[in-house]
Amino acid sequence: MNTEELAFVNRQLAGMLQSGIPLEVGLKKITESMSAAKLKGQLAELGARLEKGQAMEQAVEGLDLPETYKRRLVLGQAGQGMPRVLTCVADYYERVGSLTTRLRGLAIYPVLILVCGMAVAGLMAYLMSTLKGDLSDITEGQVGVNELVTSPWFSFFPVLLLGLGLLFYGVALRSRNMRQYFAWRIPMLRDAALAQYAALTEALLASGARLPEVIGMVRRLEAGTAMEPDLAKIEQNLGEGRGSYEAAASESRAIPGFFNWVVGQTGEDVAAGFGHARSIYTSRAENRMQAFLHCFLPVNILIIGVFLLGFFIPHLMLVTDVLNMIQNIS
């Protein structure tokens, strides 16, 4: 789902509703100029259903839209606060889109490093494998060369190793289970996940949903992640009458105690508490991303450079010996 376009559409819809234009008319006008085919089709279908007089709860049923988005539309119609709900939706998806774009940008850098490393290693391996026969003919056994160094596999081993690293990285990015595994073990990804949890909960609460219902919705979205058991326990504690969120979240394992403490500092205004947590963890995630760019990537480039140099030093020594031999002959 194109989060940037979804945010833009909802902000435009909120403005239309505030101007007195009905939601179904606004959807029809906006979808005419949309570029994302999938989102355009789903929103056009929603508008068509609303034009037929269906209630929002029936109109969103079966549509391929985010479940939380559909739920917020239902809440907005029930509470007669659709412009406010659409504005909250736009704010949420803009934040998610910005954070996701940063994370995707970071994910590209290791790929570029691995690809460049493979290109350099492949070029050096090709040159060395091409020159080895000629060098052997020139030296005619006068320069002692280790059999391992002269093996073609020795030259191409760095290419194979970097290729395996690239393959593993690609699998990790495409596998949902592996993404979830690393999301809670890499600090900047963990902070980004907590920022998204806070932003989503804040938006749902601002739309008029009750806290236990919101936690249940987020829990279903986080199925299979490290956060799911914590959310299930919080939902259970809230259902048993533990009044505050901080008290209900006191047994959390994956969700940090500091996060829950920040949320609890606003007392009854839980939405504001999640807003504070969202600001803090978004800032932390962005700072750690900058640290990743400034520290980790240069170190990674240096490590790969040393790795390649270590493999090709024997070849350079062979070339040096040949040059010394030619100089002595002349």
C-alpha atoms as a PDB file:
ATOM      1  CA  MET A   1       0.000   0.000   0.000  1.00  0.00           C
ATOM      2  CA  ASN A   2       1.370   3.410  -0.979  1.00  0.00           C
ATOM      3  CA  THR A   3       1.384   5.158   2.411  1.00  0.00           C
ATOM      4  CA  GLU A   4       2.384   8.546   0.977  1.00  0.00           C
ATOM      5  CA  GLU A   5      -0.550   8.619  -1.438  1.00  0.00           C
ATOM      6  CA  LEU A   6      -2.936   7.292   1.205  1.00  0.00           C
ATOM      7  CA  ALA A   7      -1.876  10.132   3.516  1.00  0.00           C
ATOM      8  CA  PHE A   8      -2.337  12.692   0.732  1.00  0.00           C
ATOM      9  CA  VAL A   9      -5.799  11.356  -0.172  1.00  0.00           C
ATOM     10  CA  ASN A  10      -7.037  11.468   3.403  1.00  0.00           C
ATOM     11  CA  ARG A  11      -5.765  14.992   3.960  1.00  0.00           C
ATOM     12  CA  GLN A  12      -7.573  16.130   0.816  1.00  0.00           C
ATOM     13  CA  LEU A  13     -10.733  14.292   1.875  1.00  0.00           C
ATOM     14  CA  ALA A  14     -10.643  15.962   5.296  1.00  0.00           C
ATOM     15  CA  GLY A  15     -10.491  19.373   3.619  1.00  0.00           C
ATOM     16  CA  MET A  16     -13.401  18.493   1.321  1.00  0.00           C
ATOM     17  CA  LEU A  17     -15.548  17.305   4.222  1.00  0.00           C
ATOM     18  CA  GLN A  18     -14.837  20.516   6.127  1.00  0.00           C
ATOM     19  CA  SER A  19     -16.019  22.409   3.019  1.00  0.00           C
ATOM     20  CA  GLY A  20     -19.319  20.510   3.054  1.00  0.00           C
ATOM     21  CA  ILE A  21     -18.573  18.012   0.259  1.00  0.00           C
ATOM     22  CA  PRO A  22     -19.919  14.484   1.005  1.00  0.00           C
ATOM     23  CA  LEU A  23     -17.349  11.727   1.496  1.00  0.00           C
ATOM     24  CA  GLU A  24     -18.517   9.631  -1.469  1.00  0.00           C
ATOM     25  CA  VAL A  25     -18.301  12.650  -3.807  1.00  0.00           C
ATOM     26  CA  GLY A  26     -14.834  13.500  -2.506  1.00  0.00           C
ATOM     27  CA  LEU A  27     -13.651   9.919  -3.047  1.00  0.00           C
ATOM     28  CA  LYS A  28     -14.933   9.963  -6.621  1.00  0.00           C
ATOM     29  CA  LYS A  29     -13.179  13.234  -7.445  1.00  0.00           C
ATOM     30  CA  ILE A  30      -9.875  12.293  -5.823  1.00  0.00           C
ATOM     31  CA  THR A  31      -9.626   8.786  -7.312  1.00  0.00           C
ATOM     32  CA  GLU A  32      -9.927  10.249 -10.831  1.00  0.00           C
ATOM     33  CA  SER A  33      -6.447  11.773 -10.508  1.00  0.00           C
ATOM     34  CA  MET A  34      -4.716   9.018  -8.503  1.00  0.00           C
ATOM     35  CA  SER A  35      -1.732   7.101  -9.861  1.00  0.00           C
ATOM     36  CA  ALA A  36      -1.584   4.065  -7.525  1.00  0.00           C
ATOM     37  CA  ALA A  37      -3.860   1.599  -9.353  1.00  0.00           C
ATOM     38  CA  LYS A  38      -4.493  -0.715  -6.410  1.00  0.00           C
ATOM     39  CA  LEU A  39      -5.330   2.053  -3.932  1.00  0.00           C
ATOM     40  CA  LYS A  40      -7.342   3.891  -6.581  1.00  0.00           C
ATOM     41  CA  GLY A  41      -9.499   0.841  -7.252  1.00  0.00           C
ATOM     42  CA  GLN A  42     -10.192   0.150  -3.578  1.00  0.00           C
ATOM     43  CA  LEU A  43     -11.109   3.750  -2.749  1.00  0.00           C
ATOM     44  CA  ALA A  44     -13.277   4.013  -5.873  1.00  0.00           C
ATOM     45  CA  GLU A  45     -15.130   0.891  -4.764  1.00  0.00           C
ATOM     46  CA  LEU A  46     -15.585   2.392  -1.292  1.00  0.00           C
ATOM     47  CA  GLY A  47     -17.026   5.562  -2.804  1.00  0.00           C
ATOM     48  CA  ALA A  48     -19.385   3.538  -5.025  1.00  0.00           C
ATOM     49  CA  ARG A  49     -20.671   1.566  -2.023  1.00  0.00           C
ATOM     50  CA  LEU A  50     -21.253   4.727  -0.020  1.00  0.00           C
ATOM     51  CA  GLU A  51     -23.147   6.242  -2.968  1.00  0.00           C
ATOM     52  CA  LYS A  52     -25.500   3.252  -2.832  1.00  0.00           C
ATOM     53  CA  GLY A  53     -26.340   4.153   0.759  1.00  0.00           C
ATOM     54  CA  GLN A  54     -24.332   1.500   2.576  1.00  0.00           C
ATOM     55  CA  ALA A  55     -23.147   2.249   6.087  1.00  0.00           C
ATOM     56  CA  MET A  56     -19.388   2.606   6.500  1.00  0.00           C
ATOM     57  CA  GLU A  57     -19.112  -0.683   8.386  1.00  0.00           C
ATOM     58  CA  GLN A  58     -20.655  -2.525   5.432  1.00  0.00           C
ATOM     59  CA  ALA A  59     -18.884  -0.444   2.781  1.00  0.00           C
ATOM     60  CA  VAL A  60     -15.373  -1.268   4.003  1.00  0.00           C
ATOM     61  CA  GLU A  61     -16.041  -4.994   4.334  1.00  0.00           C
ATOM     62  CA  GLY A  62     -13.914  -7.063   1.966  1.00  0.00           C
ATOM     63  CA  LEU A  63     -11.848  -4.144   0.689  1.00  0.00           C
ATOM     64  CA  ASP A  64      -8.079  -4.624   0.430  1.00  0.00           C
ATOM     65  CA  LEU A  65      -7.264  -1.705   2.708  1.00  0.00           C
ATOM     66  CA  PRO A  66      -5.367  -1.714   6.033  1.00  0.00           C
ATOM     67  CA  GLU A  67      -7.618  -3.075   8.794  1.00  0.00           C
ATOM     68  CA  THR A  68      -6.821  -0.191  11.115  1.00  0.00           C
ATOM     69  CA  TYR A  69      -7.704   2.268   8.364  1.00  0.00           C
ATOM     70  CA  LYS A  70     -11.093   0.619   7.811  1.00  0.00           C
ATOM     71  CA  ARG A  71     -11.737   0.585  11.547  1.00  0.00           C
ATOM     72  CA  ARG A  72     -10.950   4.280  11.849  1.00  0.00           C
ATOM     73  CA  LEU A  73     -13.378   5.111   9.043  1.00  0.00           C
ATOM     74  CA  VAL A  74     -16.090   3.232  10.932  1.00  0.00           C
ATOM     75  CA  LEU A  75     -15.220   5.078  14.145  1.00  0.00           C
ATOM     76  CA  GLY A  76     -15.249   8.423  12.315  1.00  0.00           C
ATOM     77  CA  GLN A  77     -18.732   7.882  10.915  1.00  0.00           C
ATOM     78  CA  ALA A  78     -20.082   6.607  14.228  1.00  0.00           C
ATOM     79  CA  GLY A  79     -18.720   9.606  16.135  1.00  0.00           C
ATOM     80  CA  GLN A  80     -19.609  12.183  13.468  1.00  0.00           C
ATOM     81  CA  GLY A  81     -15.970  13.274  13.431  1.00  0.00           C
ATOM     82  CA  MET A  82     -14.798  12.081  10.015  1.00  0.00           C
ATOM     83  CA  PRO A  83     -12.651  15.151   9.144  1.00  0.00           C
ATOM     84  CA  ARG A  84     -10.705  14.805  12.413  1.00  0.00           C
ATOM     85  CA  VAL A  85     -10.303  11.056  11.860  1.00  0.00           C
ATOM     86  CA  LEU A  86      -9.062  11.548   8.284  1.00  0.00           C
ATOM     87  CA  THR A  87      -6.575  14.161   9.461  1.00  0.00           C
ATOM     88  CA  CYS A  88      -5.275  11.741  12.110  1.00  0.00           C
ATOM     89  CA  VAL A  89      -4.994   9.040   9.450  1.00  0.00           C
ATOM     90  CA  ALA A  90      -3.027  11.382   7.169  1.00  0.00           C
ATOM     91  CA  ASP A  91      -0.667  12.349  10.006  1.00  0.00           C
ATOM     92  CA  TYR A  92      -0.075   8.706  10.884  1.00  0.00           C
ATOM     93  CA  TYR A  93       0.658   7.525   7.357  1.00  0.00           C
ATOM     94  CA  GLU A  94       2.931  10.508   6.707  1.00  0.00           C
ATOM     95  CA  ARG A  95       5.014   9.575   9.761  1.00  0.00           C
ATOM     96  CA  VAL A  96       5.039   5.902   8.807  1.00  0.00           C
ATOM     97  CA  GLY A  97       5.955   6.760   5.225  1.00  0.00           C
ATOM     98  CA  SER A  98       8.826   9.001   6.313  1.00  0.00           C
ATOM     99  CA  LEU A  99      10.242   6.392   8.699  1.00  0.00           C
ATOM    100  CA  THR A 100       9.802   3.567   6.183  1.00  0.00           C
ATOM    101  CA  THR A 101      11.554   5.583   3.474  1.00  0.00           C
ATOM    102  CA  ARG A 102      14.531   6.161   5.772  1.00  0.00           C
ATOM    103  CA  LEU A 103      14.732   2.458   6.629  1.00  0.00           C
ATOM    104  CA  ARG A 104      14.532   1.447   2.973  1.00  0.00           C
ATOM    105  CA  GLY A 105      17.255   3.944   2.167  1.00  0.00           C
ATOM    106  CA  LEU A 106      19.493   2.416   4.820  1.00  0.00           C
ATOM    107  CA  ALA A 107      18.767  -1.075   3.500  1.00  0.00           C
ATOM    108  CA  ILE A 108      20.175  -0.088   0.087  1.00  0.00           C
ATOM    109  CA  TYR A 109      23.637   0.887   1.368  1.00  0.00           C
ATOM    110  CA  PRO A 110      24.779  -2.627   2.411  1.00  0.00           C
ATOM    111  CA  VAL A 111      23.554  -3.932  -0.965  1.00  0.00           C
ATOM    112  CA  LEU A 112      25.655  -1.319  -2.788  1.00  0.00           C
ATOM    113  CA  ILE A 113      28.716  -2.184  -0.695  1.00  0.00           C
ATOM    114  CA  LEU A 114      28.341  -5.921  -1.371  1.00  0.00           C
ATOM    115  CA  VAL A 115      27.714  -5.405  -5.093  1.00  0.00           C
ATOM    116  CA  CYS A 116      30.728  -3.078  -5.437  1.00  0.00           C
ATOM    117  CA  GLY A 117      32.856  -5.547  -3.471  1.00  0.00           C
ATOM    118  CA  MET A 118      31.767  -8.361  -5.802  1.00  0.00           C
ATOM    119  CA  ALA A 119      32.552  -6.227  -8.854  1.00  0.00           C
ATOM    120  CA  VAL A 120      36.048  -5.375  -7.588  1.00  0.00           C
ATOM    121  CA  ALA A 121      36.730  -8.963  -6.536  1.00  0.00           C
ATOM    122  CA  GLY A 122      35.435 -10.294  -9.842  1.00  0.00           C
ATOM    123  CA  LEU A 123      37.606  -7.909 -11.865  1.00  0.00           C
ATOM    124  CA  MET A 124      40.718  -8.760  -9.845  1.00  0.00           C
ATOM    125  CA  ALA A 125      39.968 -12.473 -10.070  1.00  0.00           C
ATOM    126  CA  TYR A 126      39.524 -12.264 -13.844  1.00  0.00           C
ATOM    127  CA  LEU A 127      42.778 -10.365 -14.312  1.00  0.00           C
ATOM    128  CA  MET A 128      44.725 -12.736 -12.089  1.00  0.00           C
ATOM    129  CA  SER A 129      43.321 -15.867 -13.716  1.00  0.00           C
ATOM    130  CA  THR A 130      44.171 -14.405 -17.140  1.00  0.00           C
ATOM    131  CA  LEU A 131      47.715 -13.453 -16.136  1.00  0.00           C
ATOM    132  CA  LYS A 132      48.597 -16.645 -14.253  1.00  0.00           C
ATOM    133  CA  GLY A 133      49.206 -18.719 -17.378  1.00  0.00           C
ATOM    134  CA  ASP A 134      51.350 -16.016 -18.957  1.00  0.00           C
ATOM    135  CA  LEU A 135      53.318 -15.530 -15.744  1.00  0.00           C
ATOM    136  CA  SER A 136      53.966 -19.249 -15.457  1.00  0.00           C
ATOM    137  CA  ASP A 137      55.301 -19.332 -19.013  1.00  0.00           C
ATOM    138  CA  ILE A 138      57.551 -16.351 -18.334  1.00  0.00           C
ATOM    139  CA  THR A 139      58.970 -17.640 -15.053  1.00  0.00           C
ATOM    140  CA  GLU A 140      59.314 -21.306 -16.180  1.00  0.00           C
ATOM    141  CA  GLY A 141      59.456 -22.413 -12.577  1.00  0.00           C
ATOM    142  CA  GLN A 142      61.978 -19.797 -11.493  1.00  0.00           C
ATOM    143  CA  VAL A 143      59.456 -18.210  -9.102  1.00  0.00           C
ATOM    144  CA  GLY A 144      58.005 -20.505  -6.489  1.00  0.00           C
ATOM    145  CA  VAL A 145      54.239 -20.208  -6.436  1.00  0.00           C
ATOM    146  CA  ASN A 146      51.979 -21.923  -3.940  1.00  0.00           C
ATOM    147  CA  GLU A 147      49.492 -24.289  -5.627  1.00  0.00           C
ATOM    148  CA  LEU A 148      46.644 -22.809  -3.617  1.00  0.00           C
ATOM    149  CA  VAL A 149      47.389 -19.343  -4.941  1.00  0.00           C
ATOM    150  CA  THR A 150      47.483 -20.561  -8.532  1.00  0.00           C
ATOM    151  CA  SER A 151      44.142 -22.359  -8.172  1.00  0.00           C
ATOM    152  CA  PRO A 152      41.258 -20.562  -9.955  1.00  0.00           C
ATOM    153  CA  TRP A 153      39.063 -21.137  -6.889  1.00  0.00           C
ATOM    154  CA  PHE A 154      41.380 -19.043  -4.750  1.00  0.00           C
ATOM    155  CA  SER A 155      40.867 -16.025  -6.995  1.00  0.00           C
ATOM    156  CA  PHE A 156      37.090 -16.379  -7.214  1.00  0.00           C
ATOM    157  CA  PHE A 157      36.511 -17.346  -3.568  1.00  0.00           C
ATOM    158  CA  PRO A 158      35.964 -13.682  -2.443  1.00  0.00           C
ATOM    159  CA  VAL A 159      33.343 -13.279  -5.201  1.00  0.00           C
ATOM    160  CA  LEU A 160      31.499 -16.385  -4.022  1.00  0.00           C
ATOM    161  CA  LEU A 161      31.692 -15.301  -0.382  1.00  0.00           C
ATOM    162  CA  LEU A 162      30.365 -11.796  -1.093  1.00  0.00           C
ATOM    163  CA  GLY A 163      27.669 -13.320  -3.309  1.00  0.00           C
ATOM    164  CA  LEU A 164      26.521 -15.540  -0.438  1.00  0.00           C
ATOM    165  CA  GLY A 165      26.432 -12.477   1.805  1.00  0.00           C
ATOM    166  CA  LEU A 166      24.280 -10.633  -0.743  1.00  0.00           C
ATOM    167  CA  LEU A 167      21.971 -13.645  -1.075  1.00  0.00           C
ATOM    168  CA  PHE A 168      21.532 -13.893   2.698  1.00  0.00           C
ATOM    169  CA  TYR A 169      20.820 -10.172   2.921  1.00  0.00           C
ATOM    170  CA  GLY A 170      18.205 -10.429   0.172  1.00  0.00           C
ATOM    171  CA  VAL A 171      16.506 -13.382   1.879  1.00  0.00           C
ATOM    172  CA  ALA A 172      16.516 -11.525   5.207  1.00  0.00           C
ATOM    173  CA  LEU A 173      14.829  -8.499   3.620  1.00  0.00           C
ATOM    174  CA  ARG A 174      12.153 -10.565   1.873  1.00  0.00           C
ATOM    175  CA  SER A 175      11.377 -12.962   4.720  1.00  0.00           C
ATOM    176  CA  ARG A 176       8.816 -11.603   7.184  1.00  0.00           C
ATOM    177  CA  ASN A 177      10.031 -13.953   9.940  1.00  0.00           C
ATOM    178  CA  MET A 178      13.640 -12.839   9.545  1.00  0.00           C
ATOM    179  CA  ARG A 179      12.623  -9.174   9.473  1.00  0.00           C
ATOM    180  CA  GLN A 180      10.703  -9.681  12.704  1.00  0.00           C
ATOM    181  CA  TYR A 181      13.673 -11.519  14.235  1.00  0.00           C
ATOM    182  CA  PHE A 182      16.162  -8.744  13.470  1.00  0.00           C
ATOM    183  CA  ALA A 183      13.681  -5.923  14.198  1.00  0.00           C
ATOM    184  CA  TRP A 184      14.004  -6.517  17.949  1.00  0.00           C
ATOM    185  CA  ARG A 185      17.752  -7.189  17.955  1.00  0.00           C
ATOM    186  CA  ILE A 186      18.989  -4.118  16.079  1.00  0.00           C
ATOM    187  CA  PRO A 187      18.507  -0.961  18.212  1.00  0.00           C
ATOM    188  CA  MET A 188      17.438   1.421  15.438  1.00  0.00           C
ATOM    189  CA  LEU A 189      14.903  -1.104  14.067  1.00  0.00           C
ATOM    190  CA  ARG A 190      13.544  -1.710  17.574  1.00  0.00           C
ATOM    191  CA  ASP A 191      13.110   2.019  18.147  1.00  0.00           C
ATOM    192  CA  ALA A 192      11.390   2.338  14.757  1.00  0.00           C
ATOM    193  CA  ALA A 193       8.988  -0.493  15.657  1.00  0.00           C
ATOM    194  CA  LEU A 194       8.146   1.150  18.995  1.00  0.00           C
ATOM    195  CA  ALA A 195       7.646   4.513  17.263  1.00  0.00           C
ATOM    196  CA  GLN A 196       5.181   2.922  14.832  1.00  0.00           C
ATOM    197  CA  TYR A 197       3.339   1.194  17.698  1.00  0.00           C
ATOM    198  CA  ALA A 198       3.041   4.507  19.541  1.00  0.00           C
ATOM    199  CA  ALA A 199       1.947   6.381  16.392  1.00  0.00           C
ATOM    200  CA  LEU A 200      -0.701   3.805  15.508  1.00  0.00           C
ATOM    201  CA  THR A 201      -2.095   3.663  19.042  1.00  0.00           C
ATOM    202  CA  GLU A 202      -2.147   7.457  19.271  1.00  0.00           C
ATOM    203  CA  ALA A 203      -4.032   7.721  15.965  1.00  0.00           C
ATOM    204  CA  LEU A 204      -6.572   5.066  16.937  1.00  0.00           C
ATOM    205  CA  LEU A 205      -7.229   6.702  20.311  1.00  0.00           C
ATOM    206  CA  ALA A 206      -7.586  10.089  18.622  1.00  0.00           C
ATOM    207  CA  SER A 207     -10.168   8.516  16.308  1.00  0.00           C
ATOM    208  CA  GLY A 208     -12.372   7.700  19.286  1.00  0.00           C
ATOM    209  CA  ALA A 209     -11.549   4.054  19.998  1.00  0.00           C
ATOM    210  CA  ARG A 210     -11.208   2.839  23.582  1.00  0.00           C
ATOM    211  CA  LEU A 211      -7.805   1.754  24.891  1.00  0.00           C
ATOM    212  CA  PRO A 212      -8.584  -2.000  25.342  1.00  0.00           C
ATOM    213  CA  GLU A 213     -10.019  -2.131  21.818  1.00  0.00           C
ATOM    214  CA  VAL A 214      -6.982  -0.314  20.412  1.00  0.00           C
ATOM    215  CA  ILE A 215      -4.523  -2.671  22.119  1.00  0.00           C
ATOM    216  CA  GLY A 216      -6.461  -5.626  20.717  1.00  0.00           C
ATOM    217  CA  MET A 217      -6.315  -4.218  17.189  1.00  0.00           C
ATOM    218  CA  VAL A 218      -2.584  -3.528  17.429  1.00  0.00           C
ATOM    219  CA  ARG A 219      -1.994  -7.007  18.880  1.00  0.00           C
ATOM    220  CA  ARG A 220      -3.601  -8.622  15.845  1.00  0.00           C
ATOM    221  CA  LEU A 221      -1.438  -6.515  13.544  1.00  0.00           C
ATOM    222  CA  GLU A 222       1.702  -7.484  15.504  1.00  0.00           C
ATOM    223  CA  ALA A 223       0.952 -11.231  15.374  1.00  0.00           C
ATOM    224  CA  GLY A 224       4.189 -13.214  15.390  1.00  0.00           C
ATOM    225  CA  THR A 225       6.401 -10.372  16.617  1.00  0.00           C
ATOM    226  CA  ALA A 226       8.158 -10.058  19.975  1.00  0.00           C
ATOM    227  CA  MET A 227       5.580  -7.430  20.946  1.00  0.00           C
ATOM    228  CA  GLU A 228       2.530  -9.697  20.609  1.00  0.00           C
ATOM    229  CA  PRO A 229       2.784 -11.444  24.045  1.00  0.00           C
ATOM    230  CA  ASP A 230       3.170  -8.062  25.776  1.00  0.00           C
ATOM    231  CA  LEU A 231       0.144  -6.624  23.984  1.00  0.00           C
ATOM    232  CA  ALA A 232      -1.919  -9.700  24.810  1.00  0.00           C
ATOM    233  CA  LYS A 233      -1.021  -9.314  28.496  1.00  0.00           C
ATOM    234  CA  ILE A 234      -1.798  -5.576  28.452  1.00  0.00           C
ATOM    235  CA  GLU A 235      -5.165  -6.269  26.807  1.00  0.00           C
ATOM    236  CA  GLN A 236      -5.928  -8.916  29.431  1.00  0.00           C
ATOM    237  CA  ASN A 237      -4.937  -6.648  32.330  1.00  0.00           C
ATOM    238  CA  LEU A 238      -7.045  -3.793  30.984  1.00  0.00           C
ATOM    239  CA  GLY A 239      -9.976  -6.159  30.613  1.00  0.00           C
ATOM    240  CA  GLU A 240      -9.561  -7.225  34.251  1.00  0.00           C
ATOM    241  CA  GLY A 241      -9.831  -3.617  35.404  1.00  0.00           C
ATOM    242  CA  ARG A 242      -6.267  -2.401  35.836  1.00  0.00           C
ATOM    243  CA  GLY A 243      -7.078   1.260  35.323  1.00  0.00           C
ATOM    244  CA  SER A 244      -3.943   2.804  33.858  1.00  0.00           C
ATOM    245  CA  TYR A 245      -1.928   1.716  30.870  1.00  0.00           C
ATOM    246  CA  GLU A 246       1.310   1.842  32.873  1.00  0.00           C
ATOM    247  CA  ALA A 247      -0.073  -0.581  35.456  1.00  0.00           C
ATOM    248  CA  ALA A 248      -1.422  -2.910  32.770  1.00  0.00           C
ATOM    249  CA  ALA A 249       1.945  -2.893  30.966  1.00  0.00           C
ATOM    250  CA  SER A 250       4.094  -3.433  34.059  1.00  0.00           C
ATOM    251  CA  GLU A 251       4.858  -7.072  33.100  1.00  0.00           C
ATOM    252  CA  SER A 252       6.028  -6.276  29.566  1.00  0.00           C
ATOM    253  CA  ARG A 253       9.195  -7.934  28.298  1.00  0.00           C
ATOM    254  CA  ALA A 254       9.754  -6.622  24.783  1.00  0.00           C
ATOM    255  CA  ILE A 255       8.181  -3.184  25.279  1.00  0.00           C
ATOM    256  CA  PRO A 256      10.660  -1.181  27.423  1.00  0.00           C
ATOM    257  CA  GLY A 257       9.627   0.060  30.852  1.00  0.00           C
ATOM    258  CA  PHE A 258      10.712   3.566  29.847  1.00  0.00           C
ATOM    259  CA  PHE A 259       8.212   3.511  26.964  1.00  0.00           C
ATOM    260  CA  ASN A 260       5.381   2.546  29.323  1.00  0.00           C
ATOM    261  CA  TRP A 261       6.504   5.134  31.871  1.00  0.00           C
ATOM    262  CA  VAL A 262       6.413   7.914  29.230  1.00  0.00           C
ATOM    263  CA  VAL A 263       2.886   6.904  28.235  1.00  0.00           C
ATOM    264  CA  GLY A 264       1.784   6.847  31.872  1.00  0.00           C
ATOM    265  CA  GLN A 265       3.038  10.354  32.675  1.00  0.00           C
ATOM    266  CA  THR A 266       0.014  12.021  31.072  1.00  0.00           C
ATOM    267  CA  GLY A 267      -2.474  10.319  33.382  1.00  0.00           C
ATOM    268  CA  GLU A 268      -5.895   9.962  31.834  1.00  0.00           C
ATOM    269  CA  ASP A 269      -4.871  11.447  28.487  1.00  0.00           C
ATOM    270  CA  VAL A 270      -3.344   8.228  27.148  1.00  0.00           C
ATOM    271  CA  ALA A 271      -3.365   9.452  23.539  1.00  0.00           C
ATOM    272  CA  ALA A 272      -1.059  12.332  24.501  1.00  0.00           C
ATOM    273  CA  GLY A 273       1.192   9.859  26.316  1.00  0.00           C
ATOM    274  CA  PHE A 274       1.539   7.739  23.203  1.00  0.00           C
ATOM    275  CA  GLY A 275       2.208  10.948  21.271  1.00  0.00           C
ATOM    276  CA  HIS A 276       5.131  11.739  23.578  1.00  0.00           C
ATOM    277  CA  ALA A 277       6.455   8.184  23.234  1.00  0.00           C
ATOM    278  CA  ARG A 278       6.116   8.395  19.471  1.00  0.00           C
ATOM    279  CA  SER A 279       8.160  11.624  19.372  1.00  0.00           C
ATOM    280  CA  ILE A 280      10.896  10.218  21.613  1.00  0.00           C
ATOM    281  CA  TYR A 281      11.308   6.895  19.811  1.00  0.00           C
ATOM    282  CA  THR A 282      11.054   8.409  16.341  1.00  0.00           C
ATOM    283  CA  SER A 283      13.861  10.802  17.286  1.00  0.00           C
ATOM    284  CA  ARG A 284      15.926   7.945  18.745  1.00  0.00           C
ATOM    285  CA  ALA A 285      15.434   5.819  15.625  1.00  0.00           C
ATOM    286  CA  GLU A 286      16.473   8.702  13.350  1.00  0.00           C
ATOM    287  CA  ASN A 287      19.549   9.470  15.476  1.00  0.00           C
ATOM    288  CA  ARG A 288      20.612   5.833  15.365  1.00  0.00           C
ATOM    289  CA  MET A 289      20.107   5.766  11.613  1.00  0.00           C
ATOM    290  CA  GLN A 290      22.446   8.739  11.303  1.00  0.00           C
ATOM    291  CA  ALA A 291      24.987   6.981  13.519  1.00  0.00           C
ATOM    292  CA  PHE A 292      24.659   3.917  11.282  1.00  0.00           C
ATOM    293  CA  LEU A 293      25.410   6.009   8.215  1.00  0.00           C
ATOM    294  CA  HIS A 294      28.364   7.849   9.771  1.00  0.00           C
ATOM    295  CA  CYS A 295      30.002   4.946  11.612  1.00  0.00           C
ATOM    296  CA  PHE A 296      28.854   1.483  10.570  1.00  0.00           C
ATOM    297  CA  LEU A 297      29.003   1.878   6.802  1.00  0.00           C
ATOM    298  CA  PRO A 298      32.580   3.288   6.632  1.00  0.00           C
ATOM    299  CA  VAL A 299      33.711   0.511   8.977  1.00  0.00           C
ATOM    300  CA  ASN A 300      31.925  -2.033   6.797  1.00  0.00           C
ATOM    301  CA  ILE A 301      33.653  -0.697   3.679  1.00  0.00           C
ATOM    302  CA  LEU A 302      37.022  -0.887   5.470  1.00  0.00           C
ATOM    303  CA  ILE A 303      36.410  -4.502   6.557  1.00  0.00           C
ATOM    304  CA  ILE A 304      35.484  -5.609   3.032  1.00  0.00           C
ATOM    305  CA  GLY A 305      38.513  -3.740   1.662  1.00  0.00           C
ATOM    306  CA  VAL A 306      40.866  -5.490   4.093  1.00  0.00           C
ATOM    307  CA  PHE A 307      39.170  -8.810   3.304  1.00  0.00           C
ATOM    308  CA  LEU A 308      39.772  -8.385  -0.438  1.00  0.00           C
ATOM    309  CA  LEU A 309      43.318  -7.149   0.089  1.00  0.00           C
ATOM    310  CA  GLY A 310      44.095 -10.205   2.233  1.00  0.00           C
ATOM    311  CA  PHE A 311      43.045 -12.553  -0.556  1.00  0.00           C
ATOM    312  CA  PHE A 312      44.903 -10.769  -3.326  1.00  0.00           C
ATOM    313  CA  ILE A 313      48.187 -10.051  -1.509  1.00  0.00           C
ATOM    314  CA  PRO A 314      49.603 -13.456  -2.636  1.00  0.00           C
ATOM    315  CA  HIS A 315      48.834 -12.506  -6.241  1.00  0.00           C
ATOM    316  CA  LEU A 316      50.521  -9.147  -5.784  1.00  0.00           C
ATOM    317  CA  MET A 317      53.558 -10.906  -4.285  1.00  0.00           C
ATOM    318  CA  LEU A 318      53.671 -13.162  -7.344  1.00  0.00           C
ATOM    319  CA  VAL A 319      53.632 -10.162  -9.679  1.00  0.00           C
ATOM    320  CA  THR A 320      56.348  -8.501  -7.586  1.00  0.00           C
ATOM    321  CA  ASP A 321      58.569 -11.592  -7.808  1.00  0.00           C
ATOM    322  CA  VAL A 322      58.116 -11.717 -11.572  1.00  0.00           C
ATOM    323  CA  LEU A 323      59.030  -8.050 -11.905  1.00  0.00           C
ATOM    324  CA  ASN A 324      62.138  -8.559  -9.736  1.00  0.00           C
ATOM    325  CA  MET A 325      63.142 -11.549 -11.849  1.00  0.00           C
ATOM    326  CA  ILE A 326      62.785  -9.538 -15.091  1.00  0.00           C
ATOM    327  CA  GLN A 327      64.811  -6.699 -13.549  1.00  0.00           C
ATOM    328  CA  ASN A 328      67.619  -9.103 -12.564  1.00  0.00           C
ATOM    329  CA  ILE A 329      67.682 -10.615 -16.066  1.00  0.00           C
ATOM    330  CA  SER A 330      67.942  -7.186 -17.664  1.00  0.00           C
END
